[in-house]
Amino acid sequence: MNRKHGGREGSVPALRAALRAQLESWPRERLLDFAVERLLVDPELRRVLAAGQRAPAAADAALSQHLRQAIDAAMGVRYVDWREVDSYIARLERLLGDIRSFAEGYPAEGVAVLRYFVKALPRVFDSIADEDELAIFCSDLARVALGLAARVAGAARVVAEELLAAYVADDYGRFAKVPELLVEAELAVDVRREVAAAAEALAPQVARTDRYKSRELGALAARLR
């Protein structure tokens, strides 16, 4: 299958950026008038305004739950044959774009949703009749998770170690690019050392079942130091 993949962000981030650019071009008074008119006709917006500082937390939880439910729905497929693979991967890419958009406003919870996505994906590994499409998506997901984790204190190490665990548990090669992505990621020096130690500790454990992965983990530890 000759399908192009990449870090396509989907329509939501593009639309968000276009709307923000348009609103930023408006004079302040026009923007205020517009907001007031919308508040007059939309009781829900008035409730959000009245809630004050409580609104972001409520929106955070609601959007996070919605995205997790969308992930679960996508993982609920029984079988995807080769004719349906492209549309299924496009569905996953749109979902990843929605999570990236969510993370713009809620970085910590956005990273938590991405971690949930990484852990959920293996549920469909047996159900997809793909060649390398899902592996490409797994690499995109890992890259996005590492990039966003760098914006959240303490998240980079956790995400890196969970990606290592996904790599070790994966018998299909879908997360095969994780070691390379960890080397390429802009991790802080202390995080690189911690991830190197984790890879080094995993190497002898993995050697019992997969010598190739064991060597890759040893090489990763050396490259991260």
N, C-alpha and C. Protein backbone atom coordinates (compact mmCIF):
# COMPACT_ATOMS: atom_id res chain seq x y z
N MET A 1 0.84 -1.20 0.00
CA MET A 1 0.00 0.00 0.00
C MET A 1 0.87 1.24 0.00
N ASN A 2 0.61 2.11 -0.89
CA ASN A 2 1.45 3.32 -1.00
C ASN A 2 0.71 4.51 -0.44
N ARG A 3 0.46 4.45 0.84
CA ARG A 3 -0.28 5.54 1.47
C ARG A 3 0.68 6.42 2.23
N LYS A 4 0.59 7.69 2.02
CA LYS A 4 1.50 8.61 2.72
C LYS A 4 0.98 8.87 4.11
N HIS A 5 1.92 8.90 5.05
CA HIS A 5 1.57 9.19 6.44
C HIS A 5 2.49 10.28 6.94
N GLY A 6 2.20 10.75 8.11
CA GLY A 6 3.06 11.74 8.72
C GLY A 6 2.34 12.35 9.89
N GLY A 7 2.86 13.47 10.40
CA GLY A 7 2.28 14.11 11.55
C GLY A 7 1.12 14.99 11.18
N ARG A 8 0.18 14.43 10.40
CA ARG A 8 -0.96 15.23 10.02
C ARG A 8 -1.79 15.58 11.23
N GLU A 9 -2.10 16.84 11.43
CA GLU A 9 -2.74 17.28 12.63
C GLU A 9 -4.26 17.24 12.55
N GLY A 10 -4.82 17.06 11.38
CA GLY A 10 -6.27 17.03 11.27
C GLY A 10 -6.84 18.41 11.14
N SER A 11 -8.16 18.47 11.02
CA SER A 11 -8.83 19.74 10.73
C SER A 11 -9.00 20.62 11.94
N VAL A 12 -9.10 20.03 13.15
CA VAL A 12 -9.40 20.84 14.33
C VAL A 12 -8.30 21.86 14.64
N PRO A 13 -7.02 21.46 14.70
CA PRO A 13 -5.99 22.47 14.97
C PRO A 13 -5.92 23.56 13.91
N ALA A 14 -6.12 23.18 12.64
CA ALA A 14 -6.07 24.17 11.56
C ALA A 14 -7.21 25.17 11.69
N LEU A 15 -8.39 24.65 12.00
CA LEU A 15 -9.54 25.53 12.18
C LEU A 15 -9.35 26.44 13.38
N ARG A 16 -8.82 25.88 14.47
CA ARG A 16 -8.55 26.68 15.67
C ARG A 16 -7.62 27.85 15.34
N ALA A 17 -6.54 27.54 14.62
CA ALA A 17 -5.56 28.57 14.27
C ALA A 17 -6.17 29.64 13.38
N ALA A 18 -7.01 29.22 12.42
CA ALA A 18 -7.64 30.19 11.51
C ALA A 18 -8.60 31.11 12.26
N LEU A 19 -9.39 30.52 13.17
CA LEU A 19 -10.34 31.33 13.94
C LEU A 19 -9.61 32.29 14.87
N ARG A 20 -8.56 31.79 15.51
CA ARG A 20 -7.79 32.67 16.41
C ARG A 20 -7.19 33.84 15.66
N ALA A 21 -6.63 33.55 14.46
CA ALA A 21 -6.03 34.62 13.66
C ALA A 21 -7.08 35.66 13.27
N GLN A 22 -8.28 35.19 12.92
CA GLN A 22 -9.33 36.13 12.53
C GLN A 22 -9.76 37.01 13.69
N LEU A 23 -9.94 36.39 14.87
CA LEU A 23 -10.37 37.15 16.04
C LEU A 23 -9.29 38.14 16.50
N GLU A 24 -8.04 37.76 16.36
CA GLU A 24 -6.96 38.66 16.76
C GLU A 24 -6.89 39.90 15.89
N SER A 25 -7.47 39.82 14.70
CA SER A 25 -7.46 40.98 13.80
C SER A 25 -8.58 41.97 14.12
N TRP A 26 -9.53 41.56 14.96
CA TRP A 26 -10.65 42.45 15.29
C TRP A 26 -10.24 43.51 16.31
N PRO A 27 -10.80 44.71 16.24
CA PRO A 27 -10.60 45.70 17.32
C PRO A 27 -11.22 45.18 18.62
N ARG A 28 -10.70 45.63 19.75
CA ARG A 28 -11.15 45.15 21.04
C ARG A 28 -12.65 45.33 21.23
N GLU A 29 -13.19 46.50 20.86
CA GLU A 29 -14.62 46.77 21.07
C GLU A 29 -15.49 45.82 20.26
N ARG A 30 -15.07 45.54 19.03
CA ARG A 30 -15.84 44.62 18.20
C ARG A 30 -15.83 43.22 18.81
N LEU A 31 -14.67 42.81 19.34
CA LEU A 31 -14.55 41.50 19.95
C LEU A 31 -15.45 41.40 21.19
N LEU A 32 -15.47 42.46 22.01
CA LEU A 32 -16.32 42.47 23.19
C LEU A 32 -17.80 42.43 22.81
N ASP A 33 -18.18 43.20 21.80
CA ASP A 33 -19.57 43.19 21.35
C ASP A 33 -19.98 41.81 20.87
N PHE A 34 -19.10 41.17 20.14
CA PHE A 34 -19.38 39.84 19.63
C PHE A 34 -19.58 38.87 20.80
N ALA A 35 -18.69 38.93 21.80
CA ALA A 35 -18.79 38.04 22.95
C ALA A 35 -20.10 38.28 23.71
N VAL A 36 -20.46 39.53 23.91
CA VAL A 36 -21.69 39.84 24.63
C VAL A 36 -22.90 39.30 23.87
N GLU A 37 -22.94 39.49 22.56
CA GLU A 37 -24.07 38.99 21.76
C GLU A 37 -24.19 37.47 21.88
N ARG A 38 -23.05 36.77 21.84
CA ARG A 38 -23.10 35.32 21.97
C ARG A 38 -23.60 34.91 23.36
N LEU A 39 -23.15 35.63 24.38
CA LEU A 39 -23.59 35.32 25.75
C LEU A 39 -25.09 35.54 25.93
N LEU A 40 -25.63 36.55 25.24
CA LEU A 40 -27.06 36.84 25.36
C LEU A 40 -27.93 35.70 24.82
N VAL A 41 -27.46 35.03 23.79
CA VAL A 41 -28.29 34.01 23.16
C VAL A 41 -27.92 32.59 23.58
N ASP A 42 -26.85 32.42 24.35
CA ASP A 42 -26.41 31.07 24.72
C ASP A 42 -26.30 30.94 26.24
N PRO A 43 -27.31 30.33 26.90
CA PRO A 43 -27.28 30.19 28.36
C PRO A 43 -26.08 29.39 28.86
N GLU A 44 -25.64 28.39 28.08
CA GLU A 44 -24.51 27.57 28.50
C GLU A 44 -23.24 28.40 28.62
N LEU A 45 -23.03 29.32 27.66
CA LEU A 45 -21.87 30.20 27.74
C LEU A 45 -21.95 31.10 28.96
N ARG A 46 -23.16 31.53 29.30
CA ARG A 46 -23.31 32.38 30.49
C ARG A 46 -22.98 31.60 31.76
N ARG A 47 -23.35 30.31 31.77
CA ARG A 47 -23.02 29.49 32.94
C ARG A 47 -21.51 29.31 33.06
N VAL A 48 -20.82 29.12 31.93
CA VAL A 48 -19.36 29.00 31.94
C VAL A 48 -18.73 30.28 32.47
N LEU A 49 -19.25 31.43 32.00
CA LEU A 49 -18.72 32.72 32.45
C LEU A 49 -18.94 32.89 33.95
N ALA A 50 -20.14 32.52 34.41
CA ALA A 50 -20.46 32.68 35.83
C ALA A 50 -19.62 31.76 36.70
N ALA A 51 -19.22 30.62 36.15
CA ALA A 51 -18.45 29.66 36.93
C ALA A 51 -17.04 30.16 37.23
N GLY A 52 -16.59 31.16 36.46
CA GLY A 52 -15.28 31.76 36.71
C GLY A 52 -14.15 30.77 36.59
N GLN A 53 -13.33 30.68 37.64
CA GLN A 53 -12.15 29.84 37.59
C GLN A 53 -12.46 28.36 37.61
N ARG A 54 -13.73 27.99 37.90
CA ARG A 54 -14.08 26.58 37.90
C ARG A 54 -14.22 26.03 36.48
N ALA A 55 -14.48 26.91 35.51
CA ALA A 55 -14.77 26.45 34.15
C ALA A 55 -13.62 25.68 33.50
N PRO A 56 -12.35 26.15 33.60
CA PRO A 56 -11.30 25.39 32.95
C PRO A 56 -11.18 23.96 33.46
N ALA A 57 -11.32 23.77 34.81
CA ALA A 57 -11.21 22.42 35.36
C ALA A 57 -12.34 21.55 34.84
N ALA A 58 -13.55 22.10 34.77
CA ALA A 58 -14.70 21.33 34.29
C ALA A 58 -14.52 20.98 32.81
N ALA A 59 -14.06 21.96 32.03
CA ALA A 59 -13.84 21.70 30.61
C ALA A 59 -12.73 20.68 30.42
N ASP A 60 -11.68 20.79 31.23
CA ASP A 60 -10.56 19.85 31.20
C ASP A 60 -11.08 18.42 31.36
N ALA A 61 -11.85 18.18 32.42
CA ALA A 61 -12.32 16.83 32.71
C ALA A 61 -13.26 16.32 31.63
N ALA A 62 -14.17 17.18 31.16
CA ALA A 62 -15.15 16.75 30.16
C ALA A 62 -14.48 16.41 28.84
N LEU A 63 -13.56 17.25 28.38
CA LEU A 63 -12.88 16.99 27.12
C LEU A 63 -11.98 15.77 27.21
N SER A 64 -11.30 15.63 28.34
CA SER A 64 -10.44 14.47 28.54
C SER A 64 -11.25 13.19 28.47
N GLN A 65 -12.39 13.16 29.15
CA GLN A 65 -13.23 11.97 29.15
C GLN A 65 -13.76 11.67 27.75
N HIS A 66 -14.14 12.71 27.03
CA HIS A 66 -14.63 12.53 25.66
C HIS A 66 -13.55 11.90 24.77
N LEU A 67 -12.32 12.36 24.90
CA LEU A 67 -11.23 11.84 24.08
C LEU A 67 -10.90 10.40 24.46
N ARG A 68 -10.93 10.08 25.73
CA ARG A 68 -10.67 8.70 26.15
C ARG A 68 -11.76 7.76 25.62
N GLN A 69 -13.00 8.25 25.63
CA GLN A 69 -14.09 7.45 25.08
C GLN A 69 -13.91 7.23 23.58
N ALA A 70 -13.41 8.27 22.88
CA ALA A 70 -13.17 8.15 21.44
C ALA A 70 -12.05 7.13 21.18
N ILE A 71 -11.04 7.11 22.04
CA ILE A 71 -9.97 6.11 21.91
C ILE A 71 -10.53 4.71 22.11
N ASP A 72 -11.34 4.54 23.16
CA ASP A 72 -11.93 3.23 23.42
C ASP A 72 -12.80 2.77 22.25
N ALA A 73 -13.55 3.72 21.67
CA ALA A 73 -14.39 3.37 20.53
C ALA A 73 -13.54 2.91 19.34
N ALA A 74 -12.44 3.61 19.09
CA ALA A 74 -11.55 3.25 17.99
C ALA A 74 -10.88 1.90 18.23
N MET A 75 -10.62 1.58 19.49
CA MET A 75 -10.00 0.30 19.82
C MET A 75 -11.01 -0.85 19.85
N GLY A 76 -12.28 -0.53 19.71
CA GLY A 76 -13.33 -1.54 19.80
C GLY A 76 -13.62 -2.28 18.50
N VAL A 77 -12.84 -2.01 17.45
CA VAL A 77 -13.08 -2.68 16.17
C VAL A 77 -12.79 -4.17 16.30
N ARG A 78 -13.56 -4.99 15.60
CA ARG A 78 -13.36 -6.44 15.66
C ARG A 78 -12.32 -6.90 14.65
N TYR A 79 -12.36 -6.30 13.46
CA TYR A 79 -11.37 -6.64 12.43
C TYR A 79 -11.38 -5.56 11.36
N VAL A 80 -10.19 -5.20 10.89
CA VAL A 80 -10.05 -4.22 9.82
C VAL A 80 -9.27 -4.90 8.70
N ASP A 81 -9.95 -5.20 7.58
CA ASP A 81 -9.23 -5.86 6.49
C ASP A 81 -8.47 -4.83 5.66
N TRP A 82 -7.68 -5.31 4.71
CA TRP A 82 -6.76 -4.44 3.98
C TRP A 82 -7.46 -3.32 3.24
N ARG A 83 -8.73 -3.55 2.84
CA ARG A 83 -9.47 -2.52 2.12
C ARG A 83 -9.90 -1.37 3.03
N GLU A 84 -9.95 -1.60 4.33
CA GLU A 84 -10.44 -0.61 5.28
C GLU A 84 -9.31 0.05 6.09
N VAL A 85 -8.08 -0.41 5.87
CA VAL A 85 -6.97 0.06 6.69
C VAL A 85 -6.77 1.57 6.55
N ASP A 86 -6.80 2.09 5.32
CA ASP A 86 -6.56 3.51 5.12
C ASP A 86 -7.55 4.37 5.90
N SER A 87 -8.83 4.02 5.82
CA SER A 87 -9.85 4.82 6.51
C SER A 87 -9.71 4.69 8.03
N TYR A 88 -9.29 3.51 8.49
CA TYR A 88 -9.11 3.32 9.93
C TYR A 88 -7.93 4.14 10.44
N ILE A 89 -6.83 4.12 9.72
CA ILE A 89 -5.68 4.91 10.13
C ILE A 89 -6.01 6.41 10.09
N ALA A 90 -6.78 6.82 9.08
CA ALA A 90 -7.21 8.23 9.01
C ALA A 90 -8.03 8.59 10.25
N ARG A 91 -8.84 7.66 10.72
CA ARG A 91 -9.62 7.90 11.95
C ARG A 91 -8.69 8.11 13.14
N LEU A 92 -7.66 7.27 13.25
CA LEU A 92 -6.71 7.43 14.35
C LEU A 92 -5.95 8.75 14.24
N GLU A 93 -5.61 9.15 13.03
CA GLU A 93 -4.88 10.41 12.83
C GLU A 93 -5.74 11.61 13.21
N ARG A 94 -7.03 11.56 12.88
CA ARG A 94 -7.92 12.65 13.28
C ARG A 94 -8.02 12.73 14.80
N LEU A 95 -8.09 11.58 15.42
CA LEU A 95 -8.16 11.54 16.88
C LEU A 95 -6.89 12.10 17.51
N LEU A 96 -5.75 11.75 16.93
CA LEU A 96 -4.48 12.30 17.43
C LEU A 96 -4.45 13.82 17.25
N GLY A 97 -4.97 14.31 16.13
CA GLY A 97 -5.05 15.75 15.92
C GLY A 97 -5.93 16.43 16.95
N ASP A 98 -7.05 15.79 17.31
CA ASP A 98 -7.94 16.36 18.32
C ASP A 98 -7.25 16.41 19.69
N ILE A 99 -6.46 15.38 20.00
CA ILE A 99 -5.75 15.37 21.28
C ILE A 99 -4.68 16.46 21.31
N ARG A 100 -3.99 16.67 20.20
CA ARG A 100 -2.99 17.74 20.14
C ARG A 100 -3.66 19.09 20.33
N SER A 101 -4.82 19.27 19.74
CA SER A 101 -5.55 20.53 19.91
C SER A 101 -5.95 20.72 21.37
N PHE A 102 -6.44 19.66 22.00
CA PHE A 102 -6.80 19.71 23.41
C PHE A 102 -5.59 20.06 24.26
N ALA A 103 -4.44 19.48 23.93
CA ALA A 103 -3.23 19.71 24.72
C ALA A 103 -2.73 21.14 24.63
N GLU A 104 -3.13 21.88 23.61
CA GLU A 104 -2.74 23.29 23.53
C GLU A 104 -3.27 24.07 24.72
N GLY A 105 -4.48 23.74 25.16
CA GLY A 105 -5.06 24.44 26.30
C GLY A 105 -4.83 23.73 27.62
N TYR A 106 -4.68 22.40 27.58
CA TYR A 106 -4.54 21.60 28.79
C TYR A 106 -3.36 20.63 28.62
N PRO A 107 -2.13 21.13 28.68
CA PRO A 107 -0.97 20.28 28.38
C PRO A 107 -0.87 19.03 29.26
N ALA A 108 -1.04 19.17 30.57
CA ALA A 108 -0.87 18.02 31.46
C ALA A 108 -1.89 16.94 31.16
N GLU A 109 -3.17 17.32 31.02
CA GLU A 109 -4.18 16.33 30.74
C GLU A 109 -4.06 15.80 29.31
N GLY A 110 -3.59 16.65 28.40
CA GLY A 110 -3.35 16.19 27.03
C GLY A 110 -2.32 15.08 27.00
N VAL A 111 -1.25 15.23 27.77
CA VAL A 111 -0.23 14.19 27.85
C VAL A 111 -0.81 12.92 28.47
N ALA A 112 -1.67 13.09 29.49
CA ALA A 112 -2.30 11.92 30.12
C ALA A 112 -3.16 11.15 29.11
N VAL A 113 -3.86 11.86 28.25
CA VAL A 113 -4.68 11.20 27.23
C VAL A 113 -3.79 10.48 26.22
N LEU A 114 -2.67 11.08 25.85
CA LEU A 114 -1.74 10.44 24.93
C LEU A 114 -1.16 9.16 25.55
N ARG A 115 -0.86 9.21 26.83
CA ARG A 115 -0.37 8.01 27.51
C ARG A 115 -1.43 6.92 27.48
N TYR A 116 -2.68 7.30 27.65
CA TYR A 116 -3.79 6.35 27.57
C TYR A 116 -3.88 5.73 26.18
N PHE A 117 -3.66 6.56 25.17
CA PHE A 117 -3.69 6.11 23.77
C PHE A 117 -2.59 5.07 23.52
N VAL A 118 -1.38 5.37 23.99
CA VAL A 118 -0.26 4.45 23.82
C VAL A 118 -0.57 3.08 24.43
N LYS A 119 -1.15 3.09 25.61
CA LYS A 119 -1.46 1.83 26.30
C LYS A 119 -2.63 1.09 25.65
N ALA A 120 -3.54 1.84 25.02
CA ALA A 120 -4.73 1.23 24.43
C ALA A 120 -4.46 0.60 23.07
N LEU A 121 -3.54 1.16 22.30
CA LEU A 121 -3.33 0.73 20.92
C LEU A 121 -3.06 -0.78 20.74
N PRO A 122 -2.29 -1.40 21.63
CA PRO A 122 -2.05 -2.84 21.43
C PRO A 122 -3.31 -3.70 21.40
N ARG A 123 -4.43 -3.17 21.86
CA ARG A 123 -5.68 -3.94 21.81
C ARG A 123 -6.06 -4.32 20.39
N VAL A 124 -5.65 -3.51 19.41
CA VAL A 124 -6.06 -3.78 18.03
C VAL A 124 -4.95 -4.40 17.18
N PHE A 125 -3.82 -4.69 17.78
CA PHE A 125 -2.70 -5.21 17.00
C PHE A 125 -3.06 -6.52 16.28
N ASP A 126 -3.90 -7.34 16.89
CA ASP A 126 -4.30 -8.60 16.27
C ASP A 126 -5.41 -8.42 15.24
N SER A 127 -5.99 -7.22 15.18
CA SER A 127 -7.21 -7.02 14.40
C SER A 127 -7.02 -6.22 13.12
N ILE A 128 -5.80 -5.81 12.82
CA ILE A 128 -5.55 -4.94 11.68
C ILE A 128 -4.74 -5.67 10.62
N ALA A 129 -5.31 -5.79 9.42
CA ALA A 129 -4.61 -6.47 8.31
C ALA A 129 -3.80 -5.45 7.53
N ASP A 130 -2.82 -4.84 8.18
CA ASP A 130 -2.03 -3.79 7.55
C ASP A 130 -0.64 -4.32 7.18
N GLU A 131 0.09 -3.52 6.43
CA GLU A 131 1.48 -3.82 6.14
C GLU A 131 2.36 -3.06 7.13
N ASP A 132 2.42 -1.72 6.97
CA ASP A 132 3.20 -0.94 7.94
C ASP A 132 2.46 0.31 8.38
N GLU A 133 1.19 0.44 7.98
CA GLU A 133 0.45 1.67 8.30
C GLU A 133 0.31 1.91 9.80
N LEU A 134 -0.02 0.87 10.56
CA LEU A 134 -0.20 1.06 11.99
C LEU A 134 1.14 1.33 12.68
N ALA A 135 2.21 0.74 12.18
CA ALA A 135 3.54 1.01 12.74
C ALA A 135 3.91 2.48 12.54
N ILE A 136 3.58 3.02 11.36
CA ILE A 136 3.85 4.44 11.10
C ILE A 136 3.04 5.31 12.05
N PHE A 137 1.79 4.93 12.26
CA PHE A 137 0.97 5.71 13.19
C PHE A 137 1.53 5.62 14.62
N CYS A 138 1.95 4.43 15.04
CA CYS A 138 2.53 4.29 16.38
C CYS A 138 3.76 5.18 16.55
N SER A 139 4.55 5.30 15.51
CA SER A 139 5.72 6.19 15.56
C SER A 139 5.28 7.65 15.69
N ASP A 140 4.24 8.03 14.93
CA ASP A 140 3.72 9.39 15.02
C ASP A 140 3.20 9.68 16.43
N LEU A 141 2.46 8.73 16.98
CA LEU A 141 1.91 8.89 18.33
C LEU A 141 3.03 9.04 19.35
N ALA A 142 4.06 8.18 19.26
CA ALA A 142 5.18 8.26 20.20
C ALA A 142 5.90 9.59 20.08
N ARG A 143 6.09 10.06 18.86
CA ARG A 143 6.79 11.34 18.63
C ARG A 143 6.00 12.49 19.24
N VAL A 144 4.69 12.51 19.02
CA VAL A 144 3.83 13.57 19.57
C VAL A 144 3.84 13.52 21.09
N ALA A 145 3.73 12.32 21.65
CA ALA A 145 3.72 12.18 23.11
C ALA A 145 5.01 12.70 23.73
N LEU A 146 6.14 12.38 23.13
CA LEU A 146 7.42 12.85 23.65
C LEU A 146 7.53 14.37 23.54
N GLY A 147 7.08 14.92 22.41
CA GLY A 147 7.16 16.37 22.21
C GLY A 147 6.31 17.13 23.19
N LEU A 148 5.08 16.67 23.42
CA LEU A 148 4.18 17.37 24.35
C LEU A 148 4.61 17.15 25.80
N ALA A 149 5.17 15.98 26.10
CA ALA A 149 5.61 15.71 27.48
C ALA A 149 6.70 16.67 27.92
N ALA A 150 7.48 17.16 26.96
CA ALA A 150 8.56 18.10 27.29
C ALA A 150 8.01 19.41 27.86
N ARG A 151 6.72 19.69 27.62
CA ARG A 151 6.10 20.92 28.11
C ARG A 151 5.52 20.78 29.52
N VAL A 152 5.51 19.55 30.04
CA VAL A 152 4.87 19.29 31.34
C VAL A 152 5.91 18.78 32.32
N ALA A 153 6.05 19.45 33.44
CA ALA A 153 7.06 19.07 34.42
C ALA A 153 6.91 17.61 34.85
N GLY A 154 8.00 16.87 34.77
CA GLY A 154 8.02 15.48 35.22
C GLY A 154 7.41 14.48 34.27
N ALA A 155 6.85 14.93 33.15
CA ALA A 155 6.15 14.01 32.25
C ALA A 155 7.07 13.29 31.28
N ALA A 156 8.17 13.91 30.90
CA ALA A 156 9.03 13.33 29.85
C ALA A 156 9.57 11.97 30.25
N ARG A 157 10.03 11.84 31.48
CA ARG A 157 10.58 10.55 31.91
C ARG A 157 9.50 9.48 31.92
N VAL A 158 8.32 9.83 32.44
CA VAL A 158 7.22 8.86 32.53
C VAL A 158 6.82 8.39 31.14
N VAL A 159 6.65 9.33 30.21
CA VAL A 159 6.26 8.98 28.84
C VAL A 159 7.33 8.12 28.18
N ALA A 160 8.60 8.51 28.35
CA ALA A 160 9.70 7.75 27.74
C ALA A 160 9.73 6.32 28.26
N GLU A 161 9.57 6.14 29.56
CA GLU A 161 9.62 4.80 30.13
C GLU A 161 8.41 3.97 29.72
N GLU A 162 7.24 4.62 29.58
CA GLU A 162 6.06 3.88 29.12
C GLU A 162 6.19 3.49 27.66
N LEU A 163 6.84 4.32 26.86
CA LEU A 163 7.10 3.95 25.47
C LEU A 163 8.10 2.79 25.40
N LEU A 164 9.07 2.78 26.28
CA LEU A 164 9.99 1.65 26.35
C LEU A 164 9.24 0.36 26.68
N ALA A 165 8.31 0.45 27.63
CA ALA A 165 7.51 -0.72 27.99
C ALA A 165 6.67 -1.19 26.81
N ALA A 166 6.12 -0.24 26.05
CA ALA A 166 5.33 -0.60 24.86
C ALA A 166 6.21 -1.29 23.83
N TYR A 167 7.43 -0.81 23.66
CA TYR A 167 8.39 -1.41 22.73
C TYR A 167 8.71 -2.85 23.13
N VAL A 168 8.97 -3.05 24.41
CA VAL A 168 9.33 -4.38 24.89
C VAL A 168 8.16 -5.36 24.75
N ALA A 169 6.94 -4.91 25.03
CA ALA A 169 5.78 -5.80 25.00
C ALA A 169 5.27 -6.08 23.59
N ASP A 170 5.70 -5.29 22.63
CA ASP A 170 5.17 -5.37 21.26
C ASP A 170 5.84 -6.50 20.47
N ASP A 171 5.05 -7.50 20.10
CA ASP A 171 5.57 -8.60 19.30
C ASP A 171 5.33 -8.41 17.81
N TYR A 172 4.79 -7.26 17.42
CA TYR A 172 4.40 -7.02 16.03
C TYR A 172 5.30 -6.01 15.32
N GLY A 173 6.17 -5.35 16.05
CA GLY A 173 7.04 -4.35 15.44
C GLY A 173 6.37 -3.01 15.23
N ARG A 174 5.19 -2.80 15.81
CA ARG A 174 4.49 -1.53 15.62
C ARG A 174 5.20 -0.39 16.36
N PHE A 175 5.81 -0.68 17.50
CA PHE A 175 6.55 0.33 18.26
C PHE A 175 8.06 0.20 18.04
N ALA A 176 8.46 -0.35 16.91
CA ALA A 176 9.88 -0.63 16.67
C ALA A 176 10.74 0.62 16.63
N LYS A 177 10.17 1.77 16.31
CA LYS A 177 10.95 3.01 16.19
C LYS A 177 11.18 3.72 17.52
N VAL A 178 10.64 3.18 18.60
CA VAL A 178 10.75 3.86 19.89
C VAL A 178 12.19 4.16 20.29
N PRO A 179 13.13 3.20 20.22
CA PRO A 179 14.51 3.54 20.61
C PRO A 179 15.08 4.72 19.80
N GLU A 180 14.85 4.71 18.51
CA GLU A 180 15.33 5.80 17.67
C GLU A 180 14.69 7.13 18.05
N LEU A 181 13.39 7.10 18.32
CA LEU A 181 12.68 8.33 18.69
C LEU A 181 13.17 8.86 20.04
N LEU A 182 13.50 7.97 20.96
CA LEU A 182 14.01 8.41 22.26
C LEU A 182 15.37 9.09 22.12
N VAL A 183 16.18 8.60 21.22
CA VAL A 183 17.48 9.25 20.98
C VAL A 183 17.28 10.62 20.35
N GLU A 184 16.33 10.72 19.42
CA GLU A 184 16.09 11.98 18.71
C GLU A 184 15.38 13.02 19.58
N ALA A 185 14.62 12.57 20.57
CA ALA A 185 13.81 13.48 21.39
C ALA A 185 14.70 14.46 22.16
N GLU A 186 14.19 15.66 22.35
CA GLU A 186 14.93 16.68 23.10
C GLU A 186 14.66 16.52 24.59
N LEU A 187 15.26 15.48 25.14
CA LEU A 187 15.10 15.18 26.57
C LEU A 187 16.18 15.88 27.37
N ALA A 188 15.81 16.31 28.56
CA ALA A 188 16.80 16.92 29.46
C ALA A 188 17.86 15.88 29.81
N VAL A 189 19.04 16.37 30.17
CA VAL A 189 20.17 15.47 30.45
C VAL A 189 19.82 14.46 31.54
N ASP A 190 19.19 14.92 32.61
CA ASP A 190 18.86 14.01 33.71
C ASP A 190 17.83 12.97 33.27
N VAL A 191 16.89 13.37 32.41
CA VAL A 191 15.88 12.43 31.91
C VAL A 191 16.55 11.39 31.01
N ARG A 192 17.47 11.83 30.16
CA ARG A 192 18.19 10.88 29.31
C ARG A 192 18.91 9.83 30.15
N ARG A 193 19.53 10.26 31.25
CA ARG A 193 20.23 9.32 32.11
C ARG A 193 19.26 8.31 32.73
N GLU A 194 18.10 8.81 33.18
CA GLU A 194 17.11 7.93 33.80
C GLU A 194 16.55 6.93 32.80
N VAL A 195 16.29 7.38 31.58
CA VAL A 195 15.77 6.48 30.55
C VAL A 195 16.85 5.48 30.14
N ALA A 196 18.10 5.92 30.09
CA ALA A 196 19.20 5.01 29.79
C ALA A 196 19.30 3.91 30.84
N ALA A 197 19.13 4.30 32.11
CA ALA A 197 19.18 3.31 33.19
C ALA A 197 18.02 2.32 33.07
N ALA A 198 16.85 2.82 32.69
CA ALA A 198 15.69 1.94 32.52
C ALA A 198 15.91 0.96 31.38
N ALA A 199 16.47 1.44 30.26
CA ALA A 199 16.74 0.57 29.12
C ALA A 199 17.79 -0.48 29.48
N GLU A 200 18.79 -0.06 30.24
CA GLU A 200 19.86 -0.98 30.65
C GLU A 200 19.32 -2.07 31.57
N ALA A 201 18.39 -1.70 32.44
CA ALA A 201 17.80 -2.69 33.35
C ALA A 201 16.91 -3.67 32.61
N LEU A 202 16.24 -3.20 31.55
CA LEU A 202 15.34 -4.07 30.79
C LEU A 202 16.10 -5.05 29.91
N ALA A 203 17.28 -4.67 29.43
CA ALA A 203 18.01 -5.48 28.45
C ALA A 203 18.20 -6.93 28.88
N PRO A 204 18.72 -7.22 30.10
CA PRO A 204 18.91 -8.63 30.47
C PRO A 204 17.60 -9.39 30.65
N GLN A 205 16.53 -8.69 31.05
CA GLN A 205 15.22 -9.34 31.18
C GLN A 205 14.69 -9.78 29.82
N VAL A 206 14.84 -8.89 28.84
CA VAL A 206 14.34 -9.16 27.50
C VAL A 206 15.18 -10.23 26.79
N ALA A 207 16.44 -10.36 27.18
CA ALA A 207 17.35 -11.29 26.51
C ALA A 207 16.84 -12.72 26.54
N ARG A 208 16.01 -13.06 27.54
CA ARG A 208 15.50 -14.42 27.65
C ARG A 208 14.56 -14.77 26.50
N THR A 209 13.89 -13.77 25.96
CA THR A 209 12.89 -14.03 24.91
C THR A 209 13.20 -13.37 23.57
N ASP A 210 13.99 -12.30 23.60
CA ASP A 210 14.24 -11.56 22.35
C ASP A 210 15.64 -10.93 22.42
N ARG A 211 16.61 -11.62 21.85
CA ARG A 211 17.99 -11.12 21.92
C ARG A 211 18.17 -9.83 21.12
N TYR A 212 17.42 -9.71 20.02
CA TYR A 212 17.55 -8.50 19.21
C TYR A 212 17.12 -7.27 20.01
N LYS A 213 15.97 -7.36 20.67
CA LYS A 213 15.51 -6.23 21.48
C LYS A 213 16.47 -5.96 22.63
N SER A 214 17.02 -7.00 23.19
CA SER A 214 17.98 -6.82 24.27
C SER A 214 19.19 -6.02 23.79
N ARG A 215 19.69 -6.36 22.60
CA ARG A 215 20.82 -5.60 22.05
C ARG A 215 20.42 -4.15 21.76
N GLU A 216 19.21 -3.96 21.24
CA GLU A 216 18.74 -2.61 20.93
C GLU A 216 18.62 -1.78 22.22
N LEU A 217 18.17 -2.39 23.29
CA LEU A 217 18.04 -1.66 24.55
C LEU A 217 19.43 -1.30 25.10
N GLY A 218 20.38 -2.20 24.97
CA GLY A 218 21.74 -1.90 25.40
C GLY A 218 22.34 -0.78 24.60
N ALA A 219 22.11 -0.81 23.27
CA ALA A 219 22.62 0.26 22.41
C ALA A 219 21.94 1.59 22.73
N LEU A 220 20.64 1.53 23.02
CA LEU A 220 19.91 2.75 23.38
C LEU A 220 20.50 3.37 24.65
N ALA A 221 20.75 2.54 25.66
CA ALA A 221 21.32 3.06 26.90
C ALA A 221 22.65 3.78 26.65
N ALA A 222 23.47 3.18 25.79
CA ALA A 222 24.77 3.80 25.47
C ALA A 222 24.59 5.12 24.73
N ARG A 223 23.66 5.18 23.81
CA ARG A 223 23.46 6.40 23.02
C ARG A 223 22.84 7.53 23.84
N LEU A 224 22.08 7.18 24.86
CA LEU A 224 21.43 8.22 25.67
C LEU A 224 22.39 8.82 26.70
N ARG A 225 23.49 8.17 26.97
CA ARG A 225 24.43 8.66 27.99
C ARG A 225 25.44 9.64 27.37
